[in-house]
Amino acid sequence: MGAALLGGCAQSPAPQGSVSNEAPPIIAQKAVGASTMAEPRDVKSASLTANPVLVPFEKLSIKLDEDARKLIAQLADRAKSSSRLTITGFCDRRQVGNARDAAIARAAAVRDELAKAGLSIKKVQIKYVTEIGDKHAAEVQFHGG
């Protein structure tokens, strides 16, 4: 499935806006005014108290690596105690043909990993951004607590 998402043609990108995600009630939508901070290359150096917390992905991947899984496991208690979460997936549309779907898949991968740790997905909103150059990540934004 990952190859299919990333194998899209690099022609004009799909229109961006609100789309339904397969796991209701999550709604994926284009994030407005998303953070432009650079993604960390060393997951261990990411601050667990930061808001948002950045989970990096390889440019052509929608799968979490072992470091990302460890980071998400460390965030699970904080996520469960938050009233809601916004997870924004990022994928540079100039580098990946089907950037919108890849960005949504990255955010969903983070959501699903948090769900494995006991987070109710009803608390999660998924967004995507494809306009930020060379950013391949997902950001977890914590709200309330």
Protein backbone atom coordinates (compact mmCIF):
# COMPACT_ATOMS: atom_id res chain seq x y z
CA MET A 1 0.00 0.00 0.00
CA GLY A 2 2.85 2.40 0.82
CA ALA A 3 4.29 2.07 -2.65
CA ALA A 4 0.90 2.86 -4.14
CA LEU A 5 0.58 6.03 -2.10
CA LEU A 6 4.03 7.26 -2.96
CA GLY A 7 4.00 6.12 -6.56
CA GLY A 8 1.49 8.73 -7.74
CA CYS A 9 2.39 10.94 -10.61
CA ALA A 10 3.91 14.33 -9.95
CA GLN A 11 1.45 16.20 -12.13
CA SER A 12 -0.75 18.88 -10.65
CA PRO A 13 -1.56 18.00 -7.04
CA ALA A 14 -5.02 16.96 -5.98
CA PRO A 15 -7.17 19.76 -4.60
CA GLN A 16 -6.63 20.17 -0.88
CA GLY A 17 -9.37 20.60 1.67
CA SER A 18 -11.46 18.45 3.92
CA VAL A 19 -11.62 14.75 3.20
CA SER A 20 -13.06 11.89 5.15
CA ASN A 21 -10.67 9.43 6.68
CA GLU A 22 -11.57 5.73 6.80
CA ALA A 23 -11.76 5.73 10.62
CA PRO A 24 -14.58 8.12 11.53
CA PRO A 25 -14.87 10.56 13.26
CA ILE A 26 -11.40 11.65 12.17
CA ILE A 27 -11.37 14.28 9.43
CA ALA A 28 -8.26 15.01 7.44
CA GLN A 29 -7.98 18.57 6.30
CA LYS A 30 -5.38 20.93 5.05
CA ALA A 31 -3.67 22.59 8.01
CA VAL A 32 -3.60 26.37 7.83
CA GLY A 33 -0.62 28.18 9.30
CA ALA A 34 1.21 24.96 10.12
CA SER A 35 4.53 25.07 11.87
CA THR A 36 7.56 25.40 9.61
CA MET A 37 10.19 24.18 12.06
CA ALA A 38 12.72 21.75 10.62
CA GLU A 39 12.27 18.12 11.47
CA PRO A 40 14.79 16.65 13.89
CA ARG A 41 17.07 13.98 12.46
CA ASP A 42 17.64 12.40 15.88
CA VAL A 43 14.34 11.31 17.42
CA LYS A 44 16.01 10.87 20.82
CA SER A 45 16.71 14.61 20.97
CA ALA A 46 13.05 15.52 20.48
CA SER A 47 11.62 17.07 23.62
CA LEU A 48 8.73 15.09 25.03
CA THR A 49 7.27 18.24 26.57
CA ALA A 50 7.29 20.23 23.33
CA ASN A 51 3.99 21.08 21.72
CA PRO A 52 3.80 20.01 18.95
CA VAL A 53 6.09 16.99 18.99
CA LEU A 54 7.57 16.10 15.62
CA VAL A 55 7.72 12.48 14.45
CA PRO A 56 10.05 12.25 11.42
CA PHE A 57 9.52 10.00 8.40
CA GLU A 58 11.85 9.04 5.58
CA LYS A 59 11.00 10.99 2.41
CA LEU A 60 9.45 8.04 0.59
CA SER A 61 7.92 6.28 3.58
CA ILE A 62 4.59 6.24 5.37
CA LYS A 63 5.76 3.67 7.92
CA LEU A 64 7.00 4.41 11.42
CA ASP A 65 10.56 3.33 12.13
CA GLU A 66 11.64 1.90 15.50
CA ASP A 67 12.77 5.30 16.88
CA ALA A 68 9.41 6.84 15.97
CA ARG A 69 7.56 3.99 17.69
CA LYS A 70 9.62 4.53 20.84
CA LEU A 71 8.91 8.28 20.76
CA ILE A 72 5.18 7.69 20.34
CA ALA A 73 5.19 5.17 23.20
CA GLN A 74 6.73 7.87 25.40
CA LEU A 75 3.98 10.30 24.35
CA ALA A 76 1.09 7.90 25.00
CA ASP A 77 0.30 8.97 28.59
CA ARG A 78 0.40 12.64 27.63
CA ALA A 79 -1.86 11.95 24.66
CA LYS A 80 -4.36 10.02 26.78
CA SER A 81 -4.52 12.83 29.36
CA SER A 82 -5.09 15.51 26.68
CA SER A 83 -8.67 16.47 25.87
CA ARG A 84 -7.90 16.19 22.14
CA LEU A 85 -5.02 15.88 19.68
CA THR A 86 -4.32 17.27 16.24
CA ILE A 87 -1.94 15.17 14.19
CA THR A 88 -0.69 16.91 11.06
CA GLY A 89 1.02 14.86 8.38
CA PHE A 90 3.63 16.54 6.18
CA CYS A 91 4.92 15.53 2.75
CA ASP A 92 6.64 17.81 0.23
CA ARG A 93 4.57 17.69 -2.96
CA ARG A 94 7.59 18.73 -5.03
CA GLN A 95 9.38 15.54 -3.94
CA VAL A 96 6.54 12.99 -3.75
CA GLY A 97 3.87 12.57 -6.41
CA ASN A 98 0.95 11.65 -4.16
CA ALA A 99 1.94 13.92 -1.29
CA ARG A 100 -1.57 14.51 0.05
CA ASP A 101 -2.29 10.83 0.58
CA ALA A 102 1.21 10.22 1.96
CA ALA A 103 0.82 13.09 4.47
CA ILE A 104 -2.55 11.74 5.62
CA ALA A 105 -1.12 8.20 5.88
CA ARG A 106 1.74 9.48 8.07
CA ALA A 107 -0.66 11.19 10.44
CA ALA A 108 -2.83 8.06 10.51
CA ALA A 109 0.21 5.88 11.29
CA VAL A 110 0.95 8.04 14.34
CA ARG A 111 -2.72 7.97 15.38
CA ASP A 112 -2.87 4.19 15.02
CA GLU A 113 0.29 3.71 17.08
CA LEU A 114 -1.18 5.91 19.84
CA ALA A 115 -4.41 3.88 19.64
CA LYS A 116 -2.39 0.70 20.26
CA ALA A 117 -1.25 2.36 23.50
CA GLY A 118 -4.85 2.99 24.56
CA LEU A 119 -5.69 6.42 23.10
CA SER A 120 -9.29 6.85 21.96
CA ILE A 121 -9.21 7.87 18.31
CA LYS A 122 -12.32 9.96 18.94
CA LYS A 123 -9.93 12.54 20.44
CA VAL A 124 -7.89 12.85 17.24
CA GLN A 125 -8.20 15.22 14.29
CA ILE A 126 -5.96 14.58 11.28
CA LYS A 127 -4.67 17.36 9.03
CA TYR A 128 -2.15 17.49 6.21
CA VAL A 129 0.34 19.93 4.69
CA THR A 130 2.12 19.47 1.36
CA GLU A 131 3.52 22.95 0.73
CA ILE A 132 6.49 22.99 3.12
CA GLY A 133 9.70 22.06 1.34
CA ASP A 134 11.61 18.98 2.45
CA LYS A 135 9.36 18.29 5.45
CA HIS A 136 8.45 14.63 5.83
CA ALA A 137 6.98 14.13 9.29
CA ALA A 138 3.90 14.17 11.46
CA GLU A 139 3.32 16.67 14.26
CA VAL A 140 1.35 15.75 17.35
CA GLN A 141 -0.33 18.79 18.90
CA PHE A 142 -1.76 18.33 22.40
CA HIS A 143 -4.85 20.32 23.45
CA GLY A 144 -6.12 20.62 27.02
CA GLY A 145 -5.31 18.16 29.69
